[in-house]
C-alpha atoms as a PDB file:
ATOM      1  CA  UNK A   1       7.821  -0.132  12.074  1.00  0.00           C
ATOM      2  CA  UNK A   2       5.187   1.164   9.862  1.00  0.00           C
ATOM      3  CA  UNK A   3       4.606   2.123   6.266  1.00  0.00           C
ATOM      4  CA  UNK A   4       1.995   3.961   4.182  1.00  0.00           C
ATOM      5  CA  UNK A   5       0.590   2.213   1.129  1.00  0.00           C
ATOM      6  CA  UNK A   6      -1.389   4.287  -1.456  1.00  0.00           C
ATOM      7  CA  UNK A   7      -3.565   2.757  -4.063  1.00  0.00           C
ATOM      8  CA  UNK A   8      -5.017   4.983  -6.910  1.00  0.00           C
ATOM      9  CA  UNK A   9      -6.695   4.211 -10.170  1.00  0.00           C
ATOM     10  CA  UNK A  10     -10.078   3.552 -11.969  1.00  0.00           C
ATOM     11  CA  UNK A  11     -12.545   1.894  -9.688  1.00  0.00           C
ATOM     12  CA  UNK A  12     -13.241  -1.661 -10.182  1.00  0.00           C
ATOM     13  CA  UNK A  13     -14.150  -4.827  -8.095  1.00  0.00           C
ATOM     14  CA  UNK A  14     -11.401  -6.381  -6.154  1.00  0.00           C
ATOM     15  CA  UNK A  15      -8.852  -3.641  -5.598  1.00  0.00           C
ATOM     16  CA  UNK A  16      -8.986  -3.811  -1.862  1.00  0.00           C
ATOM     17  CA  UNK A  17      -8.862  -7.658  -1.885  1.00  0.00           C
ATOM     18  CA  UNK A  18      -5.848  -7.637  -4.220  1.00  0.00           C
ATOM     19  CA  UNK A  19      -3.944  -5.043  -2.049  1.00  0.00           C
ATOM     20  CA  UNK A  20      -4.834  -6.976   1.151  1.00  0.00           C
ATOM     21  CA  UNK A  21      -3.836 -10.187  -0.266  1.00  0.00           C
ATOM     22  CA  UNK A  22      -0.442  -8.951  -1.379  1.00  0.00           C
ATOM     23  CA  UNK A  23       0.090  -7.428   2.198  1.00  0.00           C
ATOM     24  CA  UNK A  24      -0.742 -10.818   3.764  1.00  0.00           C
ATOM     25  CA  UNK A  25       1.541 -12.656   1.408  1.00  0.00           C
ATOM     26  CA  UNK A  26       4.524 -10.624   2.778  1.00  0.00           C
ATOM     27  CA  UNK A  27       3.460 -10.801   6.400  1.00  0.00           C
ATOM     28  CA  UNK A  28       2.361  -7.185   6.466  1.00  0.00           C
ATOM     29  CA  UNK A  29      -0.495  -6.306   8.885  1.00  0.00           C
ATOM     30  CA  UNK A  30      -2.967  -3.573   7.886  1.00  0.00           C
ATOM     31  CA  UNK A  31      -3.538  -1.304  10.922  1.00  0.00           C
ATOM     32  CA  UNK A  32      -5.743   1.316   9.414  1.00  0.00           C
ATOM     33  CA  UNK A  33      -7.359   1.828   6.022  1.00  0.00           C
ATOM     34  CA  UNK A  34      -9.213   4.643   4.410  1.00  0.00           C
ATOM     35  CA  UNK A  35     -10.773   4.474   0.944  1.00  0.00           C
ATOM     36  CA  UNK A  36     -13.059   6.429  -1.204  1.00  0.00           C
ATOM     37  CA  UNK A  37     -14.422   6.507  -4.753  1.00  0.00           C
ATOM     38  CA  UNK A  38     -14.500   9.855  -6.392  1.00  0.00           C
ATOM     39  CA  UNK A  39     -16.788   9.443  -9.424  1.00  0.00           C
ATOM     40  CA  UNK A  40     -14.995   6.587 -11.280  1.00  0.00           C
ATOM     41  CA  UNK A  41     -11.655   6.879  -9.511  1.00  0.00           C
ATOM     42  CA  UNK A  42     -10.599   4.782  -6.472  1.00  0.00           C
ATOM     43  CA  UNK A  43      -8.162   6.137  -3.836  1.00  0.00           C
ATOM     44  CA  UNK A  44      -7.008   4.242  -0.747  1.00  0.00           C
ATOM     45  CA  UNK A  45      -4.455   4.785   1.945  1.00  0.00           C
ATOM     46  CA  UNK A  46      -3.352   2.072   4.322  1.00  0.00           C
ATOM     47  CA  UNK A  47      -1.183   2.248   7.361  1.00  0.00           C
ATOM     48  CA  UNK A  48       0.568  -0.998   7.656  1.00  0.00           C
ATOM     49  CA  UNK A  49       2.890  -2.612  10.232  1.00  0.00           C
ATOM     50  CA  UNK A  50       5.986  -4.116   8.668  1.00  0.00           C
ATOM     51  CA  UNK A  51       7.708  -5.684  11.742  1.00  0.00           C
ATOM     52  CA  UNK A  52       7.186  -9.173  10.333  1.00  0.00           C
ATOM     53  CA  UNK A  53       7.938  -8.363   6.697  1.00  0.00           C
ATOM     54  CA  UNK A  54       8.957 -11.443   4.846  1.00  0.00           C
ATOM     55  CA  UNK A  55      11.632  -9.797   2.773  1.00  0.00           C
ATOM     56  CA  UNK A  56      13.552  -6.497   2.564  1.00  0.00           C
ATOM     57  CA  UNK A  57      11.398  -3.303   2.290  1.00  0.00           C
ATOM     58  CA  UNK A  58      12.419  -2.405  -1.213  1.00  0.00           C
ATOM     59  CA  UNK A  59      11.424  -5.943  -2.465  1.00  0.00           C
ATOM     60  CA  UNK A  60       8.031  -5.515  -0.772  1.00  0.00           C
ATOM     61  CA  UNK A  61       7.549  -2.014  -2.299  1.00  0.00           C
ATOM     62  CA  UNK A  62       8.489  -3.294  -5.736  1.00  0.00           C
ATOM     63  CA  UNK A  63       6.141  -6.345  -5.521  1.00  0.00           C
ATOM     64  CA  UNK A  64       3.321  -4.091  -4.468  1.00  0.00           C
ATOM     65  CA  UNK A  65       4.008  -1.800  -7.427  1.00  0.00           C
ATOM     66  CA  UNK A  66       4.059  -4.778  -9.829  1.00  0.00           C
ATOM     67  CA  UNK A  67       0.778  -6.148  -8.277  1.00  0.00           C
ATOM     68  CA  UNK A  68      -0.803  -2.765  -8.803  1.00  0.00           C
ATOM     69  CA  UNK A  69       0.371  -2.526 -12.457  1.00  0.00           C
ATOM     70  CA  UNK A  70      -0.984  -6.019 -13.091  1.00  0.00           C
ATOM     71  CA  UNK A  71      -4.379  -4.935 -11.641  1.00  0.00           C
ATOM     72  CA  UNK A  72      -4.402  -1.519 -13.398  1.00  0.00           C
ATOM     73  CA  UNK A  73      -3.788   0.703 -10.389  1.00  0.00           C
ATOM     74  CA  UNK A  74      -0.855   2.676  -9.005  1.00  0.00           C
ATOM     75  CA  UNK A  75       0.426   1.333  -5.751  1.00  0.00           C
ATOM     76  CA  UNK A  76       3.210   3.144  -3.776  1.00  0.00           C
ATOM     77  CA  UNK A  77       4.715   2.078  -0.505  1.00  0.00           C
ATOM     78  CA  UNK A  78       6.402   4.695   1.737  1.00  0.00           C
ATOM     79  CA  UNK A  79       8.438   3.793   4.855  1.00  0.00           C
ATOM     80  CA  UNK A  80       7.365   5.790   7.955  1.00  0.00           C
ATOM     81  CA  UNK A  81      10.884   7.189   8.159  1.00  0.00           C
ATOM     82  CA  UNK A  82      10.101   9.478   5.095  1.00  0.00           C
ATOM     83  CA  UNK A  83       7.393  11.141   7.031  1.00  0.00           C
ATOM     84  CA  UNK A  84       9.495  11.526  10.221  1.00  0.00           C
ATOM     85  CA  UNK A  85      12.240  13.107   8.157  1.00  0.00           C
ATOM     86  CA  UNK A  86       9.787  15.561   6.482  1.00  0.00           C
ATOM     87  CA  UNK A  87       8.407  16.505   9.936  1.00  0.00           C
ATOM     88  CA  UNK A  88      11.908  17.701  11.086  1.00  0.00           C
ATOM     89  CA  UNK A  89      12.557  19.891   8.083  1.00  0.00           C
END
């Protein structure tokens, strides 16, 4: 199973390291990553594999959101099912 993680906020050193560290802490593997800096704003999308997730999905999403808030960025985690459902509409 997969999920999409978005990270958005003011650019600063360590954002990718923080998000990667949090993923690793929960047994989440980063499959693909795209990031850019638009002027002073940082934007990143990660496709992650959650087959070995060390907790339930909502706990992981909540922990990522909290880690983002502590680092001054907005992190959202969306399960792949949301995209598969949207495709069928």
